[in-house]
Amino acid sequence: MSDRGLTHLDPLGRARMVDVTPKEPTHRRALARCRVSMLAETTAKVASNAVNKGDVLGAARIAGIQAAKRTADLIPLCHPLLVGSVYVNFTIGEDHIDVEAQVETVDRTGVEMEAMTACAVAALTIYDMCKSADRSMTISELALWEKTGGRSGTWRRPGYEAEAFGD
């Protein structure tokens, strides 16, 4: 809760969408990350493009991009945004795949939810495409790592610069 109170509740305590119309559009960016843990054999199959369903990371990248663009359809009080760019990238480890999503816009509200949704849906797509080989997979550590723009400026997760993702 901020010093402004609960922004998504009206004076009677009912859910409402925050009014962003008085705000000026600014450049905004958000970076989210998560991890899909799996058996080493599954990671090796993904890395060598040997999963029966096809190109796991290619499908996950497209799914993440689509998810970022559809976030307002999934999260009830999110504002629909004109998403300027979405990057979804992967780092393959021995027994995991790290997913990173970056979203940018010039708009009146931030893209944190779009980045986190892109990351989560990309991870779910990896799970879906690999589940026949490995049902023990887990998706964890979904978090916002950085956001820039807007009235609150830049925010970075503590340790962001010092910590390399995937270690």
N, C-alpha and C. Protein backbone atom coordinates (compact mmCIF):
# COMPACT_ATOMS: atom_id res chain seq x y z
N MET A 1 0.84 -1.17 0.00
CA MET A 1 0.00 0.00 0.00
C MET A 1 0.89 1.24 0.00
N SER A 2 0.56 2.18 -0.83
CA SER A 2 1.33 3.42 -0.91
C SER A 2 0.72 4.45 0.03
N ASP A 3 1.37 5.63 0.08
CA ASP A 3 0.83 6.69 0.91
C ASP A 3 -0.47 7.24 0.33
N ARG A 4 -0.81 6.86 -0.89
CA ARG A 4 -2.06 7.28 -1.52
C ARG A 4 -3.20 6.30 -1.21
N GLY A 5 -2.95 5.28 -0.45
CA GLY A 5 -3.98 4.29 -0.15
C GLY A 5 -4.04 3.22 -1.21
N LEU A 6 -5.11 2.46 -1.21
CA LEU A 6 -5.29 1.39 -2.19
C LEU A 6 -5.84 2.01 -3.47
N THR A 7 -5.02 2.08 -4.48
CA THR A 7 -5.37 2.82 -5.69
C THR A 7 -6.44 2.14 -6.54
N HIS A 8 -6.65 0.86 -6.35
CA HIS A 8 -7.61 0.14 -7.18
C HIS A 8 -8.96 -0.07 -6.50
N LEU A 9 -9.20 0.71 -5.44
CA LEU A 9 -10.49 0.68 -4.76
C LEU A 9 -11.11 2.07 -4.80
N ASP A 10 -12.41 2.13 -5.06
CA ASP A 10 -13.09 3.42 -5.02
C ASP A 10 -13.42 3.75 -3.55
N PRO A 11 -13.99 4.92 -3.27
CA PRO A 11 -14.28 5.29 -1.88
C PRO A 11 -15.19 4.32 -1.13
N LEU A 12 -15.96 3.51 -1.87
CA LEU A 12 -16.84 2.53 -1.23
C LEU A 12 -16.19 1.15 -1.11
N GLY A 13 -14.91 1.05 -1.51
CA GLY A 13 -14.20 -0.21 -1.40
C GLY A 13 -14.39 -1.16 -2.57
N ARG A 14 -14.97 -0.68 -3.66
CA ARG A 14 -15.18 -1.51 -4.84
C ARG A 14 -13.98 -1.40 -5.78
N ALA A 15 -13.72 -2.48 -6.51
CA ALA A 15 -12.62 -2.48 -7.47
C ALA A 15 -12.86 -1.44 -8.55
N ARG A 16 -11.79 -0.76 -8.95
CA ARG A 16 -11.88 0.22 -10.03
C ARG A 16 -10.56 0.23 -10.78
N MET A 17 -10.64 0.70 -11.99
CA MET A 17 -9.44 0.89 -12.79
C MET A 17 -8.93 2.30 -12.50
N VAL A 18 -7.64 2.43 -12.20
CA VAL A 18 -7.06 3.74 -11.90
C VAL A 18 -7.15 4.63 -13.14
N ASP A 19 -7.50 5.89 -12.93
CA ASP A 19 -7.61 6.85 -14.03
C ASP A 19 -6.21 7.37 -14.36
N VAL A 20 -5.70 7.02 -15.53
CA VAL A 20 -4.38 7.49 -15.96
C VAL A 20 -4.48 8.59 -17.01
N THR A 21 -5.69 9.03 -17.34
CA THR A 21 -5.84 10.02 -18.40
C THR A 21 -5.12 11.34 -18.12
N PRO A 22 -4.99 11.80 -16.87
CA PRO A 22 -4.26 13.06 -16.66
C PRO A 22 -2.74 12.93 -16.85
N LYS A 23 -2.21 11.73 -16.85
CA LYS A 23 -0.77 11.53 -16.96
C LYS A 23 -0.28 11.78 -18.37
N GLU A 24 0.96 12.25 -18.47
CA GLU A 24 1.60 12.41 -19.77
C GLU A 24 2.26 11.09 -20.16
N PRO A 25 2.17 10.70 -21.43
CA PRO A 25 2.88 9.50 -21.87
C PRO A 25 4.40 9.69 -21.74
N THR A 26 5.09 8.69 -21.23
CA THR A 26 6.55 8.69 -21.15
C THR A 26 7.07 7.34 -21.58
N HIS A 27 8.36 7.29 -21.89
CA HIS A 27 9.00 6.02 -22.25
C HIS A 27 9.10 5.17 -21.00
N ARG A 28 8.65 3.93 -21.09
CA ARG A 28 8.65 3.01 -19.96
C ARG A 28 9.19 1.66 -20.40
N ARG A 29 9.91 1.02 -19.51
CA ARG A 29 10.49 -0.29 -19.81
C ARG A 29 10.43 -1.13 -18.54
N ALA A 30 10.23 -2.44 -18.72
CA ALA A 30 10.25 -3.36 -17.58
C ALA A 30 10.94 -4.65 -18.00
N LEU A 31 11.65 -5.23 -17.04
CA LEU A 31 12.37 -6.48 -17.25
C LEU A 31 11.95 -7.47 -16.18
N ALA A 32 11.51 -8.65 -16.60
CA ALA A 32 11.09 -9.70 -15.67
C ALA A 32 11.87 -10.97 -15.99
N ARG A 33 12.00 -11.83 -14.98
CA ARG A 33 12.72 -13.09 -15.16
C ARG A 33 12.03 -14.19 -14.37
N CYS A 34 12.23 -15.42 -14.84
CA CYS A 34 11.81 -16.60 -14.09
C CYS A 34 12.67 -17.78 -14.52
N ARG A 35 12.47 -18.91 -13.88
CA ARG A 35 13.26 -20.11 -14.15
C ARG A 35 12.34 -21.31 -14.30
N VAL A 36 12.64 -22.14 -15.31
CA VAL A 36 11.98 -23.42 -15.48
C VAL A 36 13.02 -24.48 -15.15
N SER A 37 12.82 -25.17 -14.01
CA SER A 37 13.75 -26.23 -13.60
C SER A 37 13.26 -27.55 -14.17
N MET A 38 14.22 -28.38 -14.60
CA MET A 38 13.86 -29.64 -15.25
C MET A 38 15.02 -30.61 -15.13
N LEU A 39 14.79 -31.84 -15.54
CA LEU A 39 15.85 -32.82 -15.58
C LEU A 39 16.91 -32.38 -16.59
N ALA A 40 18.16 -32.72 -16.32
CA ALA A 40 19.25 -32.37 -17.23
C ALA A 40 19.00 -32.95 -18.63
N GLU A 41 18.38 -34.13 -18.69
CA GLU A 41 18.09 -34.75 -19.99
C GLU A 41 17.09 -33.89 -20.79
N THR A 42 16.15 -33.29 -20.10
CA THR A 42 15.17 -32.44 -20.76
C THR A 42 15.83 -31.17 -21.29
N THR A 43 16.69 -30.59 -20.48
CA THR A 43 17.42 -29.40 -20.92
C THR A 43 18.25 -29.72 -22.16
N ALA A 44 18.89 -30.87 -22.16
CA ALA A 44 19.70 -31.27 -23.32
C ALA A 44 18.84 -31.43 -24.57
N LYS A 45 17.64 -31.96 -24.41
CA LYS A 45 16.73 -32.09 -25.56
C LYS A 45 16.32 -30.73 -26.10
N VAL A 46 16.03 -29.81 -25.20
CA VAL A 46 15.66 -28.46 -25.65
C VAL A 46 16.84 -27.82 -26.38
N ALA A 47 18.02 -27.93 -25.80
CA ALA A 47 19.21 -27.31 -26.38
C ALA A 47 19.54 -27.86 -27.77
N SER A 48 19.27 -29.14 -27.98
CA SER A 48 19.58 -29.76 -29.28
C SER A 48 18.36 -29.81 -30.20
N ASN A 49 17.28 -29.14 -29.81
CA ASN A 49 16.04 -29.10 -30.59
C ASN A 49 15.52 -30.50 -30.89
N ALA A 50 15.57 -31.36 -29.86
CA ALA A 50 15.15 -32.75 -30.02
C ALA A 50 13.85 -33.07 -29.30
N VAL A 51 13.08 -32.06 -28.95
CA VAL A 51 11.78 -32.28 -28.31
C VAL A 51 10.76 -32.60 -29.40
N ASN A 52 9.95 -33.63 -29.17
CA ASN A 52 9.00 -34.10 -30.19
C ASN A 52 8.06 -33.02 -30.71
N LYS A 53 7.66 -32.08 -29.86
CA LYS A 53 6.70 -31.06 -30.28
C LYS A 53 7.32 -29.98 -31.17
N GLY A 54 8.64 -29.93 -31.25
CA GLY A 54 9.29 -28.95 -32.13
C GLY A 54 10.19 -27.98 -31.39
N ASP A 55 10.36 -26.80 -31.95
CA ASP A 55 11.26 -25.77 -31.44
C ASP A 55 10.67 -25.14 -30.18
N VAL A 56 11.11 -25.64 -29.03
CA VAL A 56 10.55 -25.21 -27.75
C VAL A 56 10.78 -23.72 -27.52
N LEU A 57 11.99 -23.26 -27.69
CA LEU A 57 12.28 -21.87 -27.37
C LEU A 57 11.67 -20.91 -28.39
N GLY A 58 11.59 -21.33 -29.64
CA GLY A 58 10.92 -20.50 -30.65
C GLY A 58 9.45 -20.32 -30.33
N ALA A 59 8.79 -21.42 -29.97
CA ALA A 59 7.38 -21.34 -29.60
C ALA A 59 7.19 -20.52 -28.33
N ALA A 60 8.07 -20.70 -27.35
CA ALA A 60 7.97 -19.97 -26.09
C ALA A 60 8.19 -18.48 -26.31
N ARG A 61 9.09 -18.13 -27.20
CA ARG A 61 9.34 -16.70 -27.50
C ARG A 61 8.08 -16.06 -28.09
N ILE A 62 7.47 -16.72 -29.07
CA ILE A 62 6.26 -16.19 -29.69
C ILE A 62 5.13 -16.11 -28.66
N ALA A 63 4.99 -17.13 -27.83
CA ALA A 63 3.95 -17.12 -26.80
C ALA A 63 4.14 -15.96 -25.83
N GLY A 64 5.38 -15.70 -25.44
CA GLY A 64 5.67 -14.59 -24.54
C GLY A 64 5.32 -13.24 -25.16
N ILE A 65 5.67 -13.08 -26.42
CA ILE A 65 5.35 -11.84 -27.13
C ILE A 65 3.84 -11.64 -27.20
N GLN A 66 3.13 -12.69 -27.58
CA GLN A 66 1.66 -12.60 -27.64
C GLN A 66 1.07 -12.28 -26.27
N ALA A 67 1.61 -12.89 -25.24
CA ALA A 67 1.09 -12.68 -23.89
C ALA A 67 1.27 -11.23 -23.45
N ALA A 68 2.42 -10.66 -23.76
CA ALA A 68 2.64 -9.25 -23.39
C ALA A 68 1.58 -8.36 -24.02
N LYS A 69 1.25 -8.63 -25.27
CA LYS A 69 0.27 -7.81 -25.99
C LYS A 69 -1.15 -8.03 -25.48
N ARG A 70 -1.41 -9.15 -24.80
CA ARG A 70 -2.76 -9.49 -24.34
C ARG A 70 -2.93 -9.38 -22.82
N THR A 71 -1.97 -8.79 -22.14
CA THR A 71 -2.01 -8.74 -20.68
C THR A 71 -3.30 -8.13 -20.14
N ALA A 72 -3.76 -7.05 -20.73
CA ALA A 72 -4.98 -6.41 -20.24
C ALA A 72 -6.20 -7.31 -20.37
N ASP A 73 -6.16 -8.31 -21.25
CA ASP A 73 -7.25 -9.27 -21.37
C ASP A 73 -7.21 -10.31 -20.25
N LEU A 74 -6.05 -10.45 -19.61
CA LEU A 74 -5.86 -11.48 -18.59
C LEU A 74 -5.91 -10.95 -17.16
N ILE A 75 -5.39 -9.74 -16.96
CA ILE A 75 -5.32 -9.14 -15.63
C ILE A 75 -6.41 -8.07 -15.56
N PRO A 76 -7.43 -8.27 -14.74
CA PRO A 76 -8.64 -7.45 -14.81
C PRO A 76 -8.46 -5.94 -14.75
N LEU A 77 -7.56 -5.42 -13.93
CA LEU A 77 -7.47 -3.98 -13.76
C LEU A 77 -6.28 -3.35 -14.49
N CYS A 78 -5.64 -4.13 -15.38
CA CYS A 78 -4.55 -3.59 -16.20
C CYS A 78 -5.12 -2.75 -17.33
N HIS A 79 -4.40 -1.69 -17.64
CA HIS A 79 -4.79 -0.85 -18.77
C HIS A 79 -4.28 -1.46 -20.06
N PRO A 80 -5.07 -1.42 -21.13
CA PRO A 80 -4.55 -1.84 -22.43
C PRO A 80 -3.50 -0.82 -22.88
N LEU A 81 -2.37 -1.32 -23.31
CA LEU A 81 -1.26 -0.45 -23.71
C LEU A 81 -0.86 -0.73 -25.15
N LEU A 82 -0.30 0.28 -25.78
CA LEU A 82 0.32 0.09 -27.07
C LEU A 82 1.75 -0.37 -26.79
N VAL A 83 1.98 -1.64 -26.88
CA VAL A 83 3.29 -2.21 -26.59
C VAL A 83 4.21 -1.89 -27.76
N GLY A 84 5.33 -1.25 -27.46
CA GLY A 84 6.27 -0.86 -28.51
C GLY A 84 7.21 -1.97 -28.90
N SER A 85 7.71 -2.73 -27.92
CA SER A 85 8.60 -3.85 -28.22
C SER A 85 8.55 -4.87 -27.10
N VAL A 86 8.80 -6.11 -27.48
CA VAL A 86 8.88 -7.22 -26.52
C VAL A 86 10.06 -8.08 -26.93
N TYR A 87 10.95 -8.32 -25.99
CA TYR A 87 12.05 -9.25 -26.20
C TYR A 87 11.92 -10.37 -25.19
N VAL A 88 11.97 -11.60 -25.65
CA VAL A 88 11.95 -12.76 -24.77
C VAL A 88 13.20 -13.57 -25.09
N ASN A 89 14.03 -13.76 -24.08
CA ASN A 89 15.29 -14.48 -24.27
C ASN A 89 15.44 -15.58 -23.25
N PHE A 90 16.32 -16.51 -23.54
CA PHE A 90 16.51 -17.69 -22.71
C PHE A 90 17.99 -17.94 -22.47
N THR A 91 18.27 -18.45 -21.27
CA THR A 91 19.60 -18.92 -20.94
C THR A 91 19.44 -20.37 -20.51
N ILE A 92 20.11 -21.28 -21.20
CA ILE A 92 19.99 -22.70 -20.89
C ILE A 92 21.09 -23.09 -19.92
N GLY A 93 20.69 -23.63 -18.78
CA GLY A 93 21.64 -24.15 -17.79
C GLY A 93 21.66 -25.67 -17.86
N GLU A 94 22.34 -26.28 -16.93
CA GLU A 94 22.43 -27.74 -16.93
C GLU A 94 21.08 -28.39 -16.66
N ASP A 95 20.33 -27.84 -15.72
CA ASP A 95 19.03 -28.44 -15.35
C ASP A 95 17.92 -27.39 -15.25
N HIS A 96 18.04 -26.35 -16.04
CA HIS A 96 17.02 -25.30 -16.02
C HIS A 96 17.15 -24.42 -17.27
N ILE A 97 16.08 -23.68 -17.51
CA ILE A 97 16.10 -22.64 -18.54
C ILE A 97 15.61 -21.37 -17.86
N ASP A 98 16.43 -20.33 -17.93
CA ASP A 98 16.04 -19.03 -17.41
C ASP A 98 15.35 -18.26 -18.52
N VAL A 99 14.26 -17.61 -18.17
CA VAL A 99 13.47 -16.84 -19.12
C VAL A 99 13.56 -15.37 -18.72
N GLU A 100 13.78 -14.51 -19.70
CA GLU A 100 13.84 -13.08 -19.45
C GLU A 100 12.96 -12.38 -20.47
N ALA A 101 12.12 -11.47 -20.01
CA ALA A 101 11.24 -10.72 -20.90
C ALA A 101 11.42 -9.23 -20.63
N GLN A 102 11.59 -8.48 -21.70
CA GLN A 102 11.68 -7.02 -21.60
C GLN A 102 10.61 -6.41 -22.49
N VAL A 103 9.86 -5.48 -21.93
CA VAL A 103 8.78 -4.83 -22.66
C VAL A 103 8.99 -3.32 -22.58
N GLU A 104 8.73 -2.62 -23.70
CA GLU A 104 8.84 -1.16 -23.74
C GLU A 104 7.59 -0.56 -24.37
N THR A 105 7.31 0.66 -23.96
CA THR A 105 6.20 1.43 -24.51
C THR A 105 6.45 2.91 -24.31
N VAL A 106 5.66 3.72 -24.95
CA VAL A 106 5.52 5.13 -24.59
C VAL A 106 4.03 5.28 -24.29
N ASP A 107 3.73 5.39 -23.00
CA ASP A 107 2.33 5.40 -22.58
C ASP A 107 2.20 6.07 -21.22
N ARG A 108 0.97 6.03 -20.65
CA ARG A 108 0.67 6.70 -19.39
C ARG A 108 0.86 5.80 -18.17
N THR A 109 1.11 4.52 -18.39
CA THR A 109 1.30 3.60 -17.28
C THR A 109 2.34 2.57 -17.68
N GLY A 110 2.91 1.92 -16.67
CA GLY A 110 4.06 1.04 -16.89
C GLY A 110 3.73 -0.31 -17.50
N VAL A 111 4.79 -1.03 -17.84
CA VAL A 111 4.67 -2.32 -18.52
C VAL A 111 5.19 -3.47 -17.65
N GLU A 112 5.17 -3.29 -16.32
CA GLU A 112 5.63 -4.35 -15.44
C GLU A 112 4.81 -5.62 -15.60
N MET A 113 3.48 -5.47 -15.65
CA MET A 113 2.63 -6.65 -15.77
C MET A 113 2.80 -7.32 -17.13
N GLU A 114 3.04 -6.54 -18.16
CA GLU A 114 3.27 -7.11 -19.49
C GLU A 114 4.55 -7.93 -19.50
N ALA A 115 5.61 -7.43 -18.87
CA ALA A 115 6.87 -8.17 -18.83
C ALA A 115 6.72 -9.45 -18.01
N MET A 116 6.04 -9.36 -16.88
CA MET A 116 5.87 -10.55 -16.05
C MET A 116 4.96 -11.58 -16.72
N THR A 117 3.93 -11.11 -17.40
CA THR A 117 3.03 -12.03 -18.11
C THR A 117 3.77 -12.70 -19.26
N ALA A 118 4.57 -11.94 -20.00
CA ALA A 118 5.36 -12.53 -21.09
C ALA A 118 6.28 -13.61 -20.56
N CYS A 119 6.93 -13.33 -19.46
CA CYS A 119 7.86 -14.28 -18.86
C CYS A 119 7.12 -15.56 -18.41
N ALA A 120 6.02 -15.37 -17.72
CA ALA A 120 5.26 -16.52 -17.21
C ALA A 120 4.71 -17.38 -18.34
N VAL A 121 4.16 -16.77 -19.37
CA VAL A 121 3.58 -17.55 -20.47
C VAL A 121 4.67 -18.24 -21.28
N ALA A 122 5.81 -17.60 -21.45
CA ALA A 122 6.94 -18.27 -22.12
C ALA A 122 7.35 -19.50 -21.32
N ALA A 123 7.43 -19.36 -20.00
CA ALA A 123 7.79 -20.50 -19.14
C ALA A 123 6.73 -21.61 -19.21
N LEU A 124 5.46 -21.24 -19.20
CA LEU A 124 4.39 -22.23 -19.32
C LEU A 124 4.45 -22.96 -20.66
N THR A 125 4.85 -22.25 -21.70
CA THR A 125 4.98 -22.88 -23.02
C THR A 125 6.11 -23.88 -23.03
N ILE A 126 7.22 -23.55 -22.37
CA ILE A 126 8.31 -24.52 -22.24
C ILE A 126 7.80 -25.76 -21.53
N TYR A 127 7.07 -25.56 -20.43
CA TYR A 127 6.51 -26.70 -19.70
C TYR A 127 5.61 -27.53 -20.61
N ASP A 128 4.71 -26.87 -21.31
CA ASP A 128 3.76 -27.57 -22.16
C ASP A 128 4.46 -28.40 -23.24
N MET A 129 5.48 -27.84 -23.83
CA MET A 129 6.16 -28.54 -24.92
C MET A 129 7.06 -29.67 -24.43
N CYS A 130 7.46 -29.62 -23.16
CA CYS A 130 8.37 -30.64 -22.62
C CYS A 130 7.71 -31.61 -21.65
N LYS A 131 6.44 -31.43 -21.34
CA LYS A 131 5.81 -32.22 -20.28
C LYS A 131 5.77 -33.72 -20.57
N SER A 132 5.73 -34.11 -21.83
CA SER A 132 5.71 -35.55 -22.11
C SER A 132 7.04 -36.21 -21.75
N ALA A 133 8.11 -35.43 -21.73
CA ALA A 133 9.42 -35.96 -21.38
C ALA A 133 9.73 -35.79 -19.89
N ASP A 134 9.09 -34.79 -19.25
CA ASP A 134 9.48 -34.47 -17.88
C ASP A 134 8.34 -33.76 -17.15
N ARG A 135 7.55 -34.50 -16.41
CA ARG A 135 6.45 -33.90 -15.66
C ARG A 135 6.91 -33.31 -14.32
N SER A 136 8.16 -33.47 -13.98
CA SER A 136 8.67 -32.95 -12.71
C SER A 136 9.10 -31.49 -12.80
N MET A 137 8.98 -30.87 -13.95
CA MET A 137 9.43 -29.48 -14.12
C MET A 137 8.70 -28.55 -13.16
N THR A 138 9.39 -27.49 -12.77
CA THR A 138 8.78 -26.45 -11.95
C THR A 138 9.12 -25.09 -12.55
N ILE A 139 8.23 -24.16 -12.32
CA ILE A 139 8.44 -22.77 -12.74
C ILE A 139 8.53 -21.96 -11.45
N SER A 140 9.61 -21.19 -11.33
CA SER A 140 9.82 -20.45 -10.07
C SER A 140 10.50 -19.12 -10.33
N GLU A 141 10.60 -18.36 -9.27
CA GLU A 141 11.37 -17.12 -9.24
C GLU A 141 10.87 -16.04 -10.20
N LEU A 142 9.58 -16.05 -10.52
CA LEU A 142 9.04 -14.98 -11.37
C LEU A 142 9.10 -13.68 -10.60
N ALA A 143 9.81 -12.70 -11.17
CA ALA A 143 9.97 -11.43 -10.48
C ALA A 143 10.28 -10.31 -11.46
N LEU A 144 9.89 -9.12 -11.06
CA LEU A 144 10.30 -7.92 -11.77
C LEU A 144 11.72 -7.61 -11.35
N TRP A 145 12.59 -7.36 -12.31
CA TRP A 145 14.00 -7.05 -12.02
C TRP A 145 14.32 -5.59 -12.21
N GLU A 146 13.59 -4.93 -13.12
CA GLU A 146 13.85 -3.52 -13.34
C GLU A 146 12.65 -2.89 -14.01
N LYS A 147 12.39 -1.62 -13.68
CA LYS A 147 11.40 -0.83 -14.41
C LYS A 147 11.93 0.59 -14.49
N THR A 148 11.67 1.22 -15.63
CA THR A 148 12.08 2.60 -15.82
C THR A 148 10.90 3.41 -16.35
N GLY A 149 10.96 4.70 -16.10
CA GLY A 149 9.93 5.61 -16.61
C GLY A 149 8.84 5.89 -15.62
N GLY A 150 8.03 6.85 -15.98
CA GLY A 150 6.91 7.22 -15.13
C GLY A 150 7.34 8.09 -13.97
N ARG A 151 6.37 8.44 -13.14
CA ARG A 151 6.61 9.34 -12.01
C ARG A 151 7.59 8.76 -11.00
N SER A 152 7.54 7.45 -10.80
CA SER A 152 8.42 6.84 -9.79
C SER A 152 9.83 6.59 -10.31
N GLY A 153 10.06 6.81 -11.60
CA GLY A 153 11.43 6.69 -12.13
C GLY A 153 11.91 5.25 -12.25
N THR A 154 13.19 5.07 -12.00
CA THR A 154 13.82 3.76 -12.15
C THR A 154 13.79 2.98 -10.84
N TRP A 155 13.48 1.70 -10.95
CA TRP A 155 13.56 0.78 -9.81
C TRP A 155 14.31 -0.45 -10.27
N ARG A 156 15.24 -0.91 -9.46
CA ARG A 156 15.96 -2.16 -9.75
C ARG A 156 15.91 -3.05 -8.52
N ARG A 157 15.75 -4.34 -8.77
CA ARG A 157 15.78 -5.31 -7.68
C ARG A 157 17.15 -5.21 -7.01
N PRO A 158 17.19 -5.20 -5.69
CA PRO A 158 18.49 -5.14 -5.00
C PRO A 158 19.41 -6.27 -5.48
N GLY A 159 20.64 -5.90 -5.79
CA GLY A 159 21.61 -6.87 -6.29
C GLY A 159 21.53 -7.10 -7.78
N TYR A 160 20.65 -6.36 -8.47
CA TYR A 160 20.46 -6.55 -9.90
C TYR A 160 21.75 -6.42 -10.69
N GLU A 161 22.49 -5.36 -10.47
CA GLU A 161 23.70 -5.12 -11.26
C GLU A 161 24.80 -6.11 -10.92
N ALA A 162 24.90 -6.51 -9.66
CA ALA A 162 25.98 -7.40 -9.22
C ALA A 162 25.68 -8.86 -9.55
N GLU A 163 24.43 -9.20 -9.71
CA GLU A 163 24.05 -10.61 -9.88
C GLU A 163 23.74 -10.91 -11.34
N ALA A 164 24.44 -11.87 -11.87
CA ALA A 164 24.15 -12.33 -13.24
C ALA A 164 23.03 -13.34 -13.17
N PHE A 165 22.00 -13.16 -13.97
CA PHE A 165 20.88 -14.06 -13.95
C PHE A 165 21.32 -15.43 -14.45
N GLY A 166 20.85 -16.47 -13.82
CA GLY A 166 21.17 -17.84 -14.23
C GLY A 166 22.25 -18.46 -13.37
N ASP A 167 22.85 -17.68 -12.46
CA ASP A 167 23.89 -18.26 -11.59
C ASP A 167 23.28 -18.91 -10.38
